[in-house]
Amino acid sequence: MRVETMPLVTNKILAHYDANARILPWRSPPGGTRPDPYHVWLSEVMLQQTTVAAVKAYFATFTQRWPTCADLAHAEDADVMAAWAGLGYYARARNLLACARQVTQGLDGQFPETEDGLRALPGIGPYTAAAISAIAFGRRAVVVDGNVERVIARLFAVKTALPAAKPEIYGWMDSLTPQDRAGDFAQAMMDLGATICTPKRPLCHLCPVAEDCWGRSEAEAYPVKAAKLPKPERLGRVWWIEVEGHVALIRRPAKGLLGGMRALPSCDWAGDDAPPPFAGDWQPLGAVTHVFTHFRLTLQILALRLPKQPTFVFDVEWWPIDRLHEAGLPTLFTKAAMVACQG
């Protein structure tokens, strides 16, 4: 592909987007009024390492419950963390609150328009800043997510393996991004990767730039990825303490993994021989496994059913078992609760 043909490729992609753009609750139609920056920011944070299908319901819940950034800024931490439960990567939810409060209290409720200004806010990195600046404010910014990486890697047959290929991919995306409609172009590339240039069996016959694609003949070979190392294994215990139809829940420390979330009491995940919080006839119920970003965790489940509430050395909340689905437990502890309820 010659440099002089770049604008033609860009125009083909935009034309395809104009005719085939996905309808998403946080978007405005192609070429239309720009979307609410609050909606763009919220959706982009939710979409980090999460699918569009999973995010739609959460986005609807958040925008109905907290229609504006100021509403979210004044929400209780526990309510936001509970509403986030199931989306994973809970540091995003804590940063979401911190960012909403900084925008509301320090910036008069207005998101910055520039990438630099946006990156100064909690939880907003280079990609999210570029996406908000381009999509919400119409500024030229180079937006590269996982879908865009795949499209660019195939379009230009990028031989370097990820993640080392990121600067090269960014450079090609920069060459294609127009001065005007940068936000539409970013979303056009995202849609192209999500609906046509898919990881497996890409629909090259439907692609608007198939004839320009250097990697079309072996599309599934791109992007090249470095070999993954096996995740470290960690072990631990979780305790199901039941009294008259209620189970003991704790609030995890604000900082750290699953910070601020309700959870079943558990050890520090340094081994599966940790002693229970007090003596009793603890019954093993099995185990659950959960994969985090940097390790794989297996928790042994021990249960104790008592006639009255015991004394704890930590704060507990007695939650009705038949309403446990309302507690906003992270997926790991939801898995453990399901095993305990069946046992």
C-alpha atoms as a PDB file:
ATOM      1  CA  MET A   1       0.000   0.000   0.000  1.00  0.00           C
ATOM      2  CA  ARG A   2       1.492   3.306  -1.060  1.00  0.00           C
ATOM      3  CA  VAL A   3       1.323   6.390   1.147  1.00  0.00           C
ATOM      4  CA  GLU A   4      -0.799   8.201  -1.428  1.00  0.00           C
ATOM      5  CA  THR A   5      -3.470   5.484  -1.212  1.00  0.00           C
ATOM      6  CA  MET A   6      -3.929   5.856   2.549  1.00  0.00           C
ATOM      7  CA  PRO A   7      -6.773   8.410   2.274  1.00  0.00           C
ATOM      8  CA  LEU A   8      -8.609   6.077  -0.128  1.00  0.00           C
ATOM      9  CA  VAL A   9      -8.428   3.248   2.407  1.00  0.00           C
ATOM     10  CA  THR A  10      -9.628   5.586   5.159  1.00  0.00           C
ATOM     11  CA  ASN A  11     -12.562   6.730   3.033  1.00  0.00           C
ATOM     12  CA  LYS A  12     -13.569   3.144   2.222  1.00  0.00           C
ATOM     13  CA  ILE A  13     -13.622   2.276   5.920  1.00  0.00           C
ATOM     14  CA  LEU A  14     -15.650   5.380   6.813  1.00  0.00           C
ATOM     15  CA  ALA A  15     -18.136   4.730   3.999  1.00  0.00           C
ATOM     16  CA  HIS A  16     -18.621   1.182   5.236  1.00  0.00           C
ATOM     17  CA  TYR A  17     -19.153   2.493   8.771  1.00  0.00           C
ATOM     18  CA  ASP A  18     -21.711   5.044   7.578  1.00  0.00           C
ATOM     19  CA  ALA A  19     -23.752   2.207   6.088  1.00  0.00           C
ATOM     20  CA  ASN A  20     -23.167  -0.514   8.679  1.00  0.00           C
ATOM     21  CA  ALA A  21     -22.364   1.058  12.066  1.00  0.00           C
ATOM     22  CA  ARG A  22     -23.389  -0.987  15.062  1.00  0.00           C
ATOM     23  CA  ILE A  23     -26.138   0.562  17.160  1.00  0.00           C
ATOM     24  CA  LEU A  24     -24.787   0.783  20.708  1.00  0.00           C
ATOM     25  CA  PRO A  25     -26.383   2.601  23.666  1.00  0.00           C
ATOM     26  CA  TRP A  26     -23.366   4.863  24.238  1.00  0.00           C
ATOM     27  CA  ARG A  27     -22.942   5.865  20.593  1.00  0.00           C
ATOM     28  CA  SER A  28     -24.325   8.558  18.322  1.00  0.00           C
ATOM     29  CA  PRO A  29     -25.031   7.739  14.655  1.00  0.00           C
ATOM     30  CA  PRO A  30     -22.136   8.292  12.203  1.00  0.00           C
ATOM     31  CA  GLY A  31     -21.641  11.955  11.447  1.00  0.00           C
ATOM     32  CA  GLY A  32     -24.323  12.957  13.957  1.00  0.00           C
ATOM     33  CA  THR A  33     -24.283  14.902  17.199  1.00  0.00           C
ATOM     34  CA  ARG A  34     -21.378  13.903  19.405  1.00  0.00           C
ATOM     35  CA  PRO A  35     -22.280  11.606  22.299  1.00  0.00           C
ATOM     36  CA  ASP A  36     -22.276  12.606  25.968  1.00  0.00           C
ATOM     37  CA  PRO A  37     -18.647  12.494  27.227  1.00  0.00           C
ATOM     38  CA  TYR A  38     -19.921  10.822  30.420  1.00  0.00           C
ATOM     39  CA  HIS A  39     -21.401   7.997  28.357  1.00  0.00           C
ATOM     40  CA  VAL A  40     -18.264   7.614  26.259  1.00  0.00           C
ATOM     41  CA  TRP A  41     -16.023   7.536  29.350  1.00  0.00           C
ATOM     42  CA  LEU A  42     -18.281   5.106  31.227  1.00  0.00           C
ATOM     43  CA  SER A  43     -18.548   2.725  28.283  1.00  0.00           C
ATOM     44  CA  GLU A  44     -14.825   2.799  27.554  1.00  0.00           C
ATOM     45  CA  VAL A  45     -13.955   1.985  31.167  1.00  0.00           C
ATOM     46  CA  MET A  46     -16.491  -0.858  31.200  1.00  0.00           C
ATOM     47  CA  LEU A  47     -15.258  -2.208  27.859  1.00  0.00           C
ATOM     48  CA  GLN A  48     -11.682  -2.627  29.069  1.00  0.00           C
ATOM     49  CA  GLN A  49     -11.119  -6.403  28.863  1.00  0.00           C
ATOM     50  CA  THR A  50     -14.888  -6.981  28.681  1.00  0.00           C
ATOM     51  CA  THR A  51     -17.142  -7.760  25.699  1.00  0.00           C
ATOM     52  CA  VAL A  52     -19.730  -5.395  24.261  1.00  0.00           C
ATOM     53  CA  ALA A  53     -22.463  -7.974  24.925  1.00  0.00           C
ATOM     54  CA  ALA A  54     -21.569  -8.118  28.622  1.00  0.00           C
ATOM     55  CA  VAL A  55     -21.286  -4.346  29.003  1.00  0.00           C
ATOM     56  CA  LYS A  56     -24.683  -3.362  27.553  1.00  0.00           C
ATOM     57  CA  ALA A  57     -26.693  -4.378  30.620  1.00  0.00           C
ATOM     58  CA  TYR A  58     -24.219  -2.814  33.053  1.00  0.00           C
ATOM     59  CA  PHE A  59     -24.175   0.426  31.070  1.00  0.00           C
ATOM     60  CA  ALA A  60     -27.980   0.562  31.166  1.00  0.00           C
ATOM     61  CA  THR A  61     -28.015  -0.055  34.929  1.00  0.00           C
ATOM     62  CA  PHE A  62     -25.412   2.608  35.664  1.00  0.00           C
ATOM     63  CA  THR A  63     -26.942   5.300  33.453  1.00  0.00           C
ATOM     64  CA  GLN A  64     -30.426   4.669  34.840  1.00  0.00           C
ATOM     65  CA  ARG A  65     -29.236   4.732  38.434  1.00  0.00           C
ATOM     66  CA  TRP A  66     -26.624   7.488  37.995  1.00  0.00           C
ATOM     67  CA  PRO A  67     -27.666   9.511  34.903  1.00  0.00           C
ATOM     68  CA  THR A  68     -24.856  12.058  35.170  1.00  0.00           C
ATOM     69  CA  CYS A  69     -21.240  12.137  36.240  1.00  0.00           C
ATOM     70  CA  ALA A  70     -22.283  14.189  39.291  1.00  0.00           C
ATOM     71  CA  ASP A  71     -24.823  11.515  40.282  1.00  0.00           C
ATOM     72  CA  LEU A  72     -22.111   8.870  40.126  1.00  0.00           C
ATOM     73  CA  ALA A  73     -19.695  11.082  42.058  1.00  0.00           C
ATOM     74  CA  HIS A  74     -22.166  11.304  44.961  1.00  0.00           C
ATOM     75  CA  ALA A  75     -22.927   7.550  45.008  1.00  0.00           C
ATOM     76  CA  GLU A  76     -21.919   5.342  47.923  1.00  0.00           C
ATOM     77  CA  ASP A  77     -18.797   3.304  47.231  1.00  0.00           C
ATOM     78  CA  ALA A  78     -20.519   0.078  48.298  1.00  0.00           C
ATOM     79  CA  ASP A  79     -23.446   0.674  45.923  1.00  0.00           C
ATOM     80  CA  VAL A  80     -21.150   1.220  42.942  1.00  0.00           C
ATOM     81  CA  MET A  81     -19.008  -1.803  43.779  1.00  0.00           C
ATOM     82  CA  ALA A  82     -22.124  -3.970  44.097  1.00  0.00           C
ATOM     83  CA  ALA A  83     -23.482  -2.698  40.763  1.00  0.00           C
ATOM     84  CA  TRP A  84     -20.109  -3.475  39.171  1.00  0.00           C
ATOM     85  CA  ALA A  85     -20.047  -7.076  40.459  1.00  0.00           C
ATOM     86  CA  GLY A  86     -19.533  -9.536  37.625  1.00  0.00           C
ATOM     87  CA  LEU A  87     -17.658  -7.138  35.333  1.00  0.00           C
ATOM     88  CA  GLY A  88     -14.335  -8.046  36.967  1.00  0.00           C
ATOM     89  CA  TYR A  89     -11.121  -6.039  37.271  1.00  0.00           C
ATOM     90  CA  TYR A  90     -12.563  -4.158  40.243  1.00  0.00           C
ATOM     91  CA  ALA A  91      -9.845  -1.518  40.307  1.00  0.00           C
ATOM     92  CA  ARG A  92     -11.768  -0.065  37.349  1.00  0.00           C
ATOM     93  CA  ALA A  93     -14.791   0.551  39.590  1.00  0.00           C
ATOM     94  CA  ARG A  94     -12.684   2.235  42.266  1.00  0.00           C
ATOM     95  CA  ASN A  95     -11.041   4.429  39.636  1.00  0.00           C
ATOM     96  CA  LEU A  96     -14.461   5.129  38.136  1.00  0.00           C
ATOM     97  CA  LEU A  97     -15.606   6.687  41.407  1.00  0.00           C
ATOM     98  CA  ALA A  98     -12.361   8.585  41.902  1.00  0.00           C
ATOM     99  CA  CYS A  99     -12.552   9.990  38.375  1.00  0.00           C
ATOM    100  CA  ALA A 100     -16.220  10.977  38.650  1.00  0.00           C
ATOM    101  CA  ARG A 101     -15.476  12.815  41.894  1.00  0.00           C
ATOM    102  CA  GLN A 102     -12.463  14.610  40.469  1.00  0.00           C
ATOM    103  CA  VAL A 103     -14.408  15.734  37.386  1.00  0.00           C
ATOM    104  CA  THR A 104     -17.369  16.850  39.502  1.00  0.00           C
ATOM    105  CA  GLN A 105     -15.475  18.547  42.305  1.00  0.00           C
ATOM    106  CA  GLY A 106     -12.341  19.774  40.561  1.00  0.00           C
ATOM    107  CA  LEU A 107     -13.397  20.387  36.959  1.00  0.00           C
ATOM    108  CA  ASP A 108     -16.929  21.769  37.376  1.00  0.00           C
ATOM    109  CA  GLY A 109     -18.368  18.554  35.964  1.00  0.00           C
ATOM    110  CA  GLN A 110     -16.645  18.909  32.589  1.00  0.00           C
ATOM    111  CA  PHE A 111     -14.346  16.245  31.158  1.00  0.00           C
ATOM    112  CA  PRO A 112     -11.169  17.633  29.547  1.00  0.00           C
ATOM    113  CA  GLU A 113     -11.150  17.526  25.754  1.00  0.00           C
ATOM    114  CA  THR A 114      -7.444  16.791  25.282  1.00  0.00           C
ATOM    115  CA  GLU A 115      -5.636  13.502  25.695  1.00  0.00           C
ATOM    116  CA  ASP A 116      -3.209  15.039  28.190  1.00  0.00           C
ATOM    117  CA  GLY A 117      -6.027  16.461  30.277  1.00  0.00           C
ATOM    118  CA  LEU A 118      -7.910  13.175  30.258  1.00  0.00           C
ATOM    119  CA  ARG A 119      -4.820  11.138  31.178  1.00  0.00           C
ATOM    120  CA  ALA A 120      -4.466  13.215  34.338  1.00  0.00           C
ATOM    121  CA  LEU A 121      -7.708  11.664  35.638  1.00  0.00           C
ATOM    122  CA  PRO A 122      -7.792   8.430  37.695  1.00  0.00           C
ATOM    123  CA  GLY A 123      -8.057   5.242  35.664  1.00  0.00           C
ATOM    124  CA  ILE A 124      -7.691   6.883  32.245  1.00  0.00           C
ATOM    125  CA  GLY A 125      -4.708   5.622  30.272  1.00  0.00           C
ATOM    126  CA  PRO A 126      -3.481   6.410  26.745  1.00  0.00           C
ATOM    127  CA  TYR A 127      -6.109   4.339  24.904  1.00  0.00           C
ATOM    128  CA  THR A 128      -9.103   5.572  26.920  1.00  0.00           C
ATOM    129  CA  ALA A 129      -7.930   9.186  26.709  1.00  0.00           C
ATOM    130  CA  ALA A 130      -7.587   8.938  22.910  1.00  0.00           C
ATOM    131  CA  ALA A 131     -11.012   7.305  22.571  1.00  0.00           C
ATOM    132  CA  ILE A 132     -12.798   9.938  24.673  1.00  0.00           C
ATOM    133  CA  SER A 133     -11.000  12.837  22.993  1.00  0.00           C
ATOM    134  CA  ALA A 134     -11.819  11.569  19.498  1.00  0.00           C
ATOM    135  CA  ILE A 135     -15.325  10.187  20.006  1.00  0.00           C
ATOM    136  CA  ALA A 136     -16.763  12.657  22.507  1.00  0.00           C
ATOM    137  CA  PHE A 137     -14.973  15.836  21.433  1.00  0.00           C
ATOM    138  CA  GLY A 138     -14.116  15.293  17.768  1.00  0.00           C
ATOM    139  CA  ARG A 139     -10.386  15.847  18.246  1.00  0.00           C
ATOM    140  CA  ARG A 140      -7.886  13.962  16.156  1.00  0.00           C
ATOM    141  CA  ALA A 141      -6.510  11.110  18.254  1.00  0.00           C
ATOM    142  CA  VAL A 142      -5.111   7.710  17.352  1.00  0.00           C
ATOM    143  CA  VAL A 143      -7.292   5.048  18.971  1.00  0.00           C
ATOM    144  CA  VAL A 144      -5.978   1.470  19.112  1.00  0.00           C
ATOM    145  CA  ASP A 145      -7.841  -1.271  20.978  1.00  0.00           C
ATOM    146  CA  GLY A 146      -7.647  -5.043  20.487  1.00  0.00           C
ATOM    147  CA  ASN A 147      -9.939  -5.027  17.457  1.00  0.00           C
ATOM    148  CA  VAL A 148      -7.976  -2.229  15.812  1.00  0.00           C
ATOM    149  CA  GLU A 149      -4.690  -4.043  16.480  1.00  0.00           C
ATOM    150  CA  ARG A 150      -5.999  -7.077  14.637  1.00  0.00           C
ATOM    151  CA  VAL A 151      -7.274  -5.087  11.637  1.00  0.00           C
ATOM    152  CA  ILE A 152      -4.042  -3.112  11.292  1.00  0.00           C
ATOM    153  CA  ALA A 153      -1.825  -6.176  11.778  1.00  0.00           C
ATOM    154  CA  ARG A 154      -3.624  -7.914   8.915  1.00  0.00           C
ATOM    155  CA  LEU A 155      -4.017  -4.891   6.676  1.00  0.00           C
ATOM    156  CA  PHE A 156      -0.260  -4.204   6.791  1.00  0.00           C
ATOM    157  CA  ALA A 157       0.920  -7.809   7.428  1.00  0.00           C
ATOM    158  CA  VAL A 158       2.799  -6.796  10.569  1.00  0.00           C
ATOM    159  CA  LYS A 159       5.371  -9.534  11.164  1.00  0.00           C
ATOM    160  CA  THR A 160       6.506  -8.405  14.622  1.00  0.00           C
ATOM    161  CA  ALA A 161       4.824 -10.274  17.478  1.00  0.00           C
ATOM    162  CA  LEU A 162       2.673  -8.521  20.038  1.00  0.00           C
ATOM    163  CA  PRO A 163       3.236  -6.775  22.351  1.00  0.00           C
ATOM    164  CA  ALA A 164       6.465  -5.592  20.658  1.00  0.00           C
ATOM    165  CA  ALA A 165       4.422  -4.735  17.543  1.00  0.00           C
ATOM    166  CA  LYS A 166       2.321  -2.089  19.313  1.00  0.00           C
ATOM    167  CA  PRO A 167       4.420   0.937  18.214  1.00  0.00           C
ATOM    168  CA  GLU A 168       4.368  -0.237  14.582  1.00  0.00           C
ATOM    169  CA  ILE A 169       0.616  -0.826  14.691  1.00  0.00           C
ATOM    170  CA  TYR A 170       0.098   2.598  16.267  1.00  0.00           C
ATOM    171  CA  GLY A 171       2.138   4.160  13.488  1.00  0.00           C
ATOM    172  CA  TRP A 172       0.020   2.565  10.753  1.00  0.00           C
ATOM    173  CA  MET A 173      -3.186   3.620  12.530  1.00  0.00           C
ATOM    174  CA  ASP A 174      -1.809   7.132  12.798  1.00  0.00           C
ATOM    175  CA  SER A 175      -1.231   7.133   9.023  1.00  0.00           C
ATOM    176  CA  LEU A 176      -4.875   6.195   8.391  1.00  0.00           C
ATOM    177  CA  THR A 177      -6.595   8.396  11.005  1.00  0.00           C
ATOM    178  CA  PRO A 178      -8.135  11.467   9.326  1.00  0.00           C
ATOM    179  CA  GLN A 179      -8.033  14.988  10.697  1.00  0.00           C
ATOM    180  CA  ASP A 180     -11.831  15.142  10.601  1.00  0.00           C
ATOM    181  CA  ARG A 181     -14.106  12.340  11.837  1.00  0.00           C
ATOM    182  CA  ALA A 182     -11.329  10.734  13.889  1.00  0.00           C
ATOM    183  CA  GLY A 183     -13.940   9.459  16.357  1.00  0.00           C
ATOM    184  CA  ASP A 184     -16.052   7.899  13.622  1.00  0.00           C
ATOM    185  CA  PHE A 185     -12.936   6.372  12.096  1.00  0.00           C
ATOM    186  CA  ALA A 186     -11.898   4.841  15.424  1.00  0.00           C
ATOM    187  CA  GLN A 187     -15.356   3.309  15.852  1.00  0.00           C
ATOM    188  CA  ALA A 188     -15.355   2.176  12.226  1.00  0.00           C
ATOM    189  CA  MET A 189     -12.125   0.258  12.843  1.00  0.00           C
ATOM    190  CA  MET A 190     -13.512  -1.230  16.061  1.00  0.00           C
ATOM    191  CA  ASP A 191     -16.636  -2.385  14.212  1.00  0.00           C
ATOM    192  CA  LEU A 192     -14.553  -3.810  11.371  1.00  0.00           C
ATOM    193  CA  GLY A 193     -12.604  -5.926  13.851  1.00  0.00           C
ATOM    194  CA  ALA A 194     -15.677  -6.971  15.829  1.00  0.00           C
ATOM    195  CA  THR A 195     -17.921  -7.956  12.932  1.00  0.00           C
ATOM    196  CA  ILE A 196     -15.760  -8.764   9.866  1.00  0.00           C
ATOM    197  CA  CYS A 197     -12.042  -8.994  10.679  1.00  0.00           C
ATOM    198  CA  THR A 198     -12.727 -11.444  13.504  1.00  0.00           C
ATOM    199  CA  PRO A 199     -10.031 -13.551  15.211  1.00  0.00           C
ATOM    200  CA  LYS A 200     -11.234 -16.761  13.563  1.00  0.00           C
ATOM    201  CA  ARG A 201     -12.713 -17.162  10.087  1.00  0.00           C
ATOM    202  CA  PRO A 202     -12.708 -13.466   9.133  1.00  0.00           C
ATOM    203  CA  LEU A 203     -15.302 -12.477   6.545  1.00  0.00           C
ATOM    204  CA  CYS A 204     -12.824 -11.082   4.045  1.00  0.00           C
ATOM    205  CA  HIS A 205     -15.411 -11.155   1.240  1.00  0.00           C
ATOM    206  CA  LEU A 206     -17.380  -8.488   3.138  1.00  0.00           C
ATOM    207  CA  CYS A 207     -14.423  -6.300   4.034  1.00  0.00           C
ATOM    208  CA  PRO A 208     -14.368  -2.837   2.408  1.00  0.00           C
ATOM    209  CA  VAL A 209     -10.557  -2.904   2.183  1.00  0.00           C
ATOM    210  CA  ALA A 210      -9.998  -6.559   1.276  1.00  0.00           C
ATOM    211  CA  GLU A 211      -8.239  -5.643  -1.979  1.00  0.00           C
ATOM    212  CA  ASP A 212      -5.838  -3.392  -0.054  1.00  0.00           C
ATOM    213  CA  CYS A 213      -5.038  -5.963   2.648  1.00  0.00           C
ATOM    214  CA  TRP A 214      -1.475  -7.298   2.609  1.00  0.00           C
ATOM    215  CA  GLY A 215      -2.267 -10.146   4.989  1.00  0.00           C
ATOM    216  CA  ARG A 216      -5.520 -11.380   3.478  1.00  0.00           C
ATOM    217  CA  SER A 217      -4.141 -14.657   2.147  1.00  0.00           C
ATOM    218  CA  GLU A 218      -3.176 -15.770   5.656  1.00  0.00           C
ATOM    219  CA  ALA A 219      -5.347 -13.511   7.777  1.00  0.00           C
ATOM    220  CA  GLU A 220      -5.569 -15.794  10.801  1.00  0.00           C
ATOM    221  CA  ALA A 221      -1.778 -15.701  11.150  1.00  0.00           C
ATOM    222  CA  TYR A 222      -2.095 -12.057  12.242  1.00  0.00           C
ATOM    223  CA  PRO A 223      -1.571 -10.495  14.634  1.00  0.00           C
ATOM    224  CA  VAL A 224       1.518 -12.521  15.504  1.00  0.00           C
ATOM    225  CA  LYS A 225       1.560 -13.217  19.228  1.00  0.00           C
ATOM    226  CA  ALA A 226       4.434 -14.104  21.516  1.00  0.00           C
ATOM    227  CA  ALA A 227       4.116 -17.445  23.314  1.00  0.00           C
ATOM    228  CA  LYS A 228       2.225 -17.143  26.587  1.00  0.00           C
ATOM    229  CA  LEU A 229       3.859 -18.263  29.805  1.00  0.00           C
ATOM    230  CA  PRO A 230       1.760 -20.491  32.081  1.00  0.00           C
ATOM    231  CA  LYS A 231       0.033 -18.619  34.900  1.00  0.00           C
ATOM    232  CA  PRO A 232       1.349 -19.239  38.432  1.00  0.00           C
ATOM    233  CA  GLU A 233      -0.910 -21.396  40.610  1.00  0.00           C
ATOM    234  CA  ARG A 234      -2.108 -20.172  44.014  1.00  0.00           C
ATOM    235  CA  LEU A 235      -4.136 -22.007  46.661  1.00  0.00           C
ATOM    236  CA  GLY A 236      -6.349 -20.858  49.469  1.00  0.00           C
ATOM    237  CA  ARG A 237      -9.423 -21.489  51.573  1.00  0.00           C
ATOM    238  CA  VAL A 238     -12.843 -19.862  51.764  1.00  0.00           C
ATOM    239  CA  TRP A 239     -15.274 -20.317  54.678  1.00  0.00           C
ATOM    240  CA  TRP A 240     -19.051 -20.681  54.413  1.00  0.00           C
ATOM    241  CA  ILE A 241     -20.522 -19.859  57.838  1.00  0.00           C
ATOM    242  CA  GLU A 242     -24.284 -20.381  57.927  1.00  0.00           C
ATOM    243  CA  VAL A 243     -26.754 -19.532  60.715  1.00  0.00           C
ATOM    244  CA  GLU A 244     -30.540 -19.856  60.313  1.00  0.00           C
ATOM    245  CA  GLY A 245     -30.660 -19.164  56.592  1.00  0.00           C
ATOM    246  CA  HIS A 246     -28.005 -16.435  56.678  1.00  0.00           C
ATOM    247  CA  VAL A 247     -24.340 -16.542  55.668  1.00  0.00           C
ATOM    248  CA  ALA A 248     -21.476 -14.437  56.986  1.00  0.00           C
ATOM    249  CA  LEU A 249     -20.025 -11.942  54.491  1.00  0.00           C
ATOM    250  CA  ILE A 250     -17.139  -9.551  54.929  1.00  0.00           C
ATOM    251  CA  ARG A 251     -16.060  -6.395  53.147  1.00  0.00           C
ATOM    252  CA  ARG A 252     -12.625  -6.826  51.580  1.00  0.00           C
ATOM    253  CA  PRO A 253     -10.016  -4.105  52.205  1.00  0.00           C
ATOM    254  CA  ALA A 254     -10.394  -1.077  49.942  1.00  0.00           C
ATOM    255  CA  LYS A 255      -6.997  -1.627  48.329  1.00  0.00           C
ATOM    256  CA  GLY A 256      -5.858  -4.809  46.661  1.00  0.00           C
ATOM    257  CA  LEU A 257      -7.509  -7.520  44.594  1.00  0.00           C
ATOM    258  CA  LEU A 258     -11.330  -7.337  44.707  1.00  0.00           C
ATOM    259  CA  GLY A 259     -10.910  -4.333  46.996  1.00  0.00           C
ATOM    260  CA  GLY A 260     -14.049  -2.959  48.624  1.00  0.00           C
ATOM    261  CA  MET A 261     -16.203  -5.901  47.536  1.00  0.00           C
ATOM    262  CA  ARG A 262     -18.452  -8.048  49.690  1.00  0.00           C
ATOM    263  CA  ALA A 263     -17.037 -11.560  49.898  1.00  0.00           C
ATOM    264  CA  LEU A 264     -17.056 -14.776  51.840  1.00  0.00           C
ATOM    265  CA  PRO A 265     -14.363 -14.877  54.544  1.00  0.00           C
ATOM    266  CA  SER A 266     -11.156 -16.377  53.154  1.00  0.00           C
ATOM    267  CA  CYS A 267      -7.454 -16.656  53.850  1.00  0.00           C
ATOM    268  CA  ASP A 268      -4.730 -14.651  52.105  1.00  0.00           C
ATOM    269  CA  TRP A 269      -4.438 -17.236  49.286  1.00  0.00           C
ATOM    270  CA  ALA A 270      -0.932 -18.228  50.328  1.00  0.00           C
ATOM    271  CA  GLY A 271      -1.853 -21.913  50.756  1.00  0.00           C
ATOM    272  CA  ASP A 272      -4.755 -24.296  51.331  1.00  0.00           C
ATOM    273  CA  ASP A 273      -3.844 -25.141  54.930  1.00  0.00           C
ATOM    274  CA  ALA A 274      -4.855 -21.842  56.571  1.00  0.00           C
ATOM    275  CA  PRO A 275      -6.739 -22.346  59.885  1.00  0.00           C
ATOM    276  CA  PRO A 276     -10.454 -21.390  59.997  1.00  0.00           C
ATOM    277  CA  PRO A 277     -11.468 -18.204  61.861  1.00  0.00           C
ATOM    278  CA  PHE A 278     -12.504 -20.324  64.885  1.00  0.00           C
ATOM    279  CA  ALA A 279     -12.734 -23.967  65.938  1.00  0.00           C
ATOM    280  CA  GLY A 280     -15.653 -26.096  64.801  1.00  0.00           C
ATOM    281  CA  ASP A 281     -16.790 -29.084  62.808  1.00  0.00           C
ATOM    282  CA  TRP A 282     -15.822 -27.659  59.421  1.00  0.00           C
ATOM    283  CA  GLN A 283     -16.979 -29.739  56.458  1.00  0.00           C
ATOM    284  CA  PRO A 284     -15.120 -29.757  53.113  1.00  0.00           C
ATOM    285  CA  LEU A 285     -17.495 -29.074  50.203  1.00  0.00           C
ATOM    286  CA  GLY A 286     -15.091 -29.096  47.278  1.00  0.00           C
ATOM    287  CA  ALA A 287     -13.162 -26.386  45.488  1.00  0.00           C
ATOM    288  CA  VAL A 288     -13.542 -23.640  42.913  1.00  0.00           C
ATOM    289  CA  THR A 289     -10.971 -22.307  40.462  1.00  0.00           C
ATOM    290  CA  HIS A 290     -10.785 -18.790  39.067  1.00  0.00           C
ATOM    291  CA  VAL A 291      -8.287 -17.278  36.642  1.00  0.00           C
ATOM    292  CA  PHE A 292      -7.086 -13.753  37.380  1.00  0.00           C
ATOM    293  CA  THR A 293      -4.881 -11.693  35.088  1.00  0.00           C
ATOM    294  CA  HIS A 294      -1.609 -12.813  36.657  1.00  0.00           C
ATOM    295  CA  PHE A 295      -2.406 -16.117  38.385  1.00  0.00           C
ATOM    296  CA  ARG A 296      -4.802 -19.038  38.669  1.00  0.00           C
ATOM    297  CA  LEU A 297      -6.451 -19.511  42.073  1.00  0.00           C
ATOM    298  CA  THR A 298      -8.010 -22.638  43.570  1.00  0.00           C
ATOM    299  CA  LEU A 299      -9.993 -22.196  46.789  1.00  0.00           C
ATOM    300  CA  GLN A 300     -10.997 -25.095  49.031  1.00  0.00           C
ATOM    301  CA  ILE A 301     -14.478 -24.504  50.494  1.00  0.00           C
ATOM    302  CA  LEU A 302     -15.051 -25.339  54.157  1.00  0.00           C
ATOM    303  CA  ALA A 303     -18.545 -25.005  55.646  1.00  0.00           C
ATOM    304  CA  LEU A 304     -19.876 -24.676  59.177  1.00  0.00           C
ATOM    305  CA  ARG A 305     -23.585 -24.517  59.984  1.00  0.00           C
ATOM    306  CA  LEU A 306     -24.377 -23.214  63.468  1.00  0.00           C
ATOM    307  CA  PRO A 307     -27.510 -22.649  65.603  1.00  0.00           C
ATOM    308  CA  LYS A 308     -26.505 -19.100  66.577  1.00  0.00           C
ATOM    309  CA  GLN A 309     -24.172 -16.366  65.417  1.00  0.00           C
ATOM    310  CA  PRO A 310     -20.581 -16.785  66.664  1.00  0.00           C
ATOM    311  CA  THR A 311     -18.229 -14.017  67.787  1.00  0.00           C
ATOM    312  CA  PHE A 312     -15.759 -12.841  65.148  1.00  0.00           C
ATOM    313  CA  VAL A 313     -12.515 -10.943  65.405  1.00  0.00           C
ATOM    314  CA  PHE A 314     -13.488  -9.135  62.172  1.00  0.00           C
ATOM    315  CA  ASP A 315     -16.660  -7.365  61.042  1.00  0.00           C
ATOM    316  CA  VAL A 316     -19.253  -9.541  59.334  1.00  0.00           C
ATOM    317  CA  GLU A 317     -22.575  -8.934  57.654  1.00  0.00           C
ATOM    318  CA  TRP A 318     -25.219 -11.655  57.912  1.00  0.00           C
ATOM    319  CA  TRP A 319     -26.817 -11.926  54.518  1.00  0.00           C
ATOM    320  CA  PRO A 320     -29.992 -13.954  53.716  1.00  0.00           C
ATOM    321  CA  ILE A 321     -28.951 -16.887  51.566  1.00  0.00           C
ATOM    322  CA  ASP A 322     -32.068 -16.605  49.400  1.00  0.00           C
ATOM    323  CA  ARG A 323     -31.049 -13.013  48.565  1.00  0.00           C
ATOM    324  CA  LEU A 324     -27.365 -13.689  48.081  1.00  0.00           C
ATOM    325  CA  HIS A 325     -27.672 -12.778  44.404  1.00  0.00           C
ATOM    326  CA  GLU A 326     -28.299  -9.188  45.545  1.00  0.00           C
ATOM    327  CA  ALA A 327     -25.052  -8.952  47.536  1.00  0.00           C
ATOM    328  CA  GLY A 328     -22.878  -8.104  44.521  1.00  0.00           C
ATOM    329  CA  LEU A 329     -20.337 -10.844  45.164  1.00  0.00           C
ATOM    330  CA  PRO A 330     -17.387 -11.065  42.750  1.00  0.00           C
ATOM    331  CA  THR A 331     -17.485 -14.047  40.401  1.00  0.00           C
ATOM    332  CA  LEU A 332     -14.961 -16.004  42.465  1.00  0.00           C
ATOM    333  CA  PHE A 333     -17.140 -15.911  45.580  1.00  0.00           C
ATOM    334  CA  THR A 334     -20.334 -16.428  43.598  1.00  0.00           C
ATOM    335  CA  LYS A 335     -18.821 -19.705  42.378  1.00  0.00           C
ATOM    336  CA  ALA A 336     -17.968 -20.707  45.960  1.00  0.00           C
ATOM    337  CA  ALA A 337     -21.479 -19.789  47.185  1.00  0.00           C
ATOM    338  CA  MET A 338     -23.073 -21.917  44.465  1.00  0.00           C
ATOM    339  CA  VAL A 339     -21.038 -24.936  45.560  1.00  0.00           C
ATOM    340  CA  ALA A 340     -21.887 -24.302  49.221  1.00  0.00           C
ATOM    341  CA  CYS A 341     -25.600 -23.973  48.514  1.00  0.00           C
ATOM    342  CA  GLN A 342     -25.593 -27.253  46.617  1.00  0.00           C
ATOM    343  CA  GLY A 343     -23.664 -28.974  49.415  1.00  0.00           C
END
